[in-house]
Amino acid sequence: MHLQAIGAPVLGDSVYGKPDPFEIGRPLLHAAELAFTHPTSGEAMQFASEPPADFEAALTAFREQNRSANDFQ
């Protein structure tokens, strides 16, 4: 299932999402943390990652746009 099917399209997804107004050129998705059990060893695996700079810039711009829009409501 794609997020579009539940009314939550991903910005930058050229097939199912919405156009990317921030012109990053990729879907605006980021996994801050991933955790799973290793399929062979059974070891618990956990990884964390900060968002890339382009993602942070797009998020900041998005928040600014929404803040400005909400100021007029």
Protein backbone atom coordinates (compact mmCIF):
# COMPACT_ATOMS: atom_id res chain seq x y z
CA MET A 1 0.00 0.00 0.00
CA HIS A 2 1.21 3.47 -0.79
CA LEU A 3 0.61 6.38 1.55
CA GLN A 4 -1.38 8.03 -1.25
CA ALA A 5 -4.04 5.35 -0.73
CA ILE A 6 -4.74 6.65 2.78
CA GLY A 7 -4.61 10.31 1.78
CA ALA A 8 -1.05 10.95 2.95
CA PRO A 9 1.07 11.27 -0.20
CA VAL A 10 4.82 11.67 0.15
CA LEU A 11 6.32 14.90 -1.13
CA GLY A 12 8.75 14.20 -3.92
CA ASP A 13 7.33 10.76 -4.80
CA SER A 14 7.09 11.14 -8.57
CA VAL A 15 4.73 8.17 -8.96
CA TYR A 16 2.27 8.29 -6.04
CA GLY A 17 3.05 11.50 -4.19
CA LYS A 18 2.91 15.21 -4.64
CA PRO A 19 5.38 17.40 -6.49
CA ASP A 20 8.37 18.47 -4.43
CA PRO A 21 8.06 22.23 -3.85
CA PHE A 22 11.52 22.21 -2.26
CA GLU A 23 13.15 20.68 -5.36
CA ILE A 24 15.21 18.10 -3.50
CA GLY A 25 14.73 15.57 -6.28
CA ARG A 26 13.83 12.59 -4.10
CA PRO A 27 11.03 11.49 -1.80
CA LEU A 28 11.03 13.43 1.46
CA LEU A 29 11.29 10.44 3.76
CA HIS A 30 13.76 9.76 6.55
CA ALA A 31 14.07 6.90 9.02
CA ALA A 32 15.46 8.40 12.21
CA GLU A 33 15.66 4.96 13.82
CA LEU A 34 15.50 1.39 12.61
CA ALA A 35 15.42 -1.68 14.81
CA PHE A 36 15.06 -5.33 13.94
CA THR A 37 16.21 -8.79 14.89
CA HIS A 38 19.01 -10.05 12.68
CA PRO A 39 17.56 -12.95 10.67
CA THR A 40 20.59 -15.21 11.09
CA SER A 41 22.13 -14.39 14.45
CA GLY A 42 18.96 -13.34 16.27
CA GLU A 43 20.85 -10.30 17.55
CA ALA A 44 18.84 -7.15 18.21
CA MET A 45 20.02 -4.51 15.74
CA GLN A 46 19.35 -0.81 16.19
CA PHE A 47 20.47 2.14 14.08
CA ALA A 48 19.90 5.88 14.39
CA SER A 49 20.54 8.56 11.80
CA GLU A 50 20.18 12.32 11.73
CA PRO A 51 18.24 13.71 8.77
CA PRO A 52 20.35 14.86 5.82
CA ALA A 53 20.86 18.61 5.42
CA ASP A 54 18.53 18.85 2.41
CA PHE A 55 15.76 17.13 4.38
CA GLU A 56 16.25 19.49 7.34
CA ALA A 57 16.15 22.50 5.01
CA ALA A 58 12.90 21.28 3.42
CA LEU A 59 11.37 20.60 6.84
CA THR A 60 12.30 24.08 8.05
CA ALA A 61 10.81 25.66 4.92
CA PHE A 62 7.64 23.58 5.31
CA ARG A 63 7.26 24.66 8.94
CA GLU A 64 7.76 28.30 7.96
CA GLN A 65 5.11 28.04 5.24
CA ASN A 66 2.64 26.49 7.66
CA ARG A 67 3.43 29.00 10.39
CA SER A 68 2.76 31.84 7.93
CA ALA A 69 -0.47 30.23 6.73
CA ASN A 70 -1.67 29.68 10.30
CA ASP A 71 -1.00 33.32 11.21
CA PHE A 72 -3.94 34.33 9.02
CA GLN A 73 -6.50 31.95 10.47
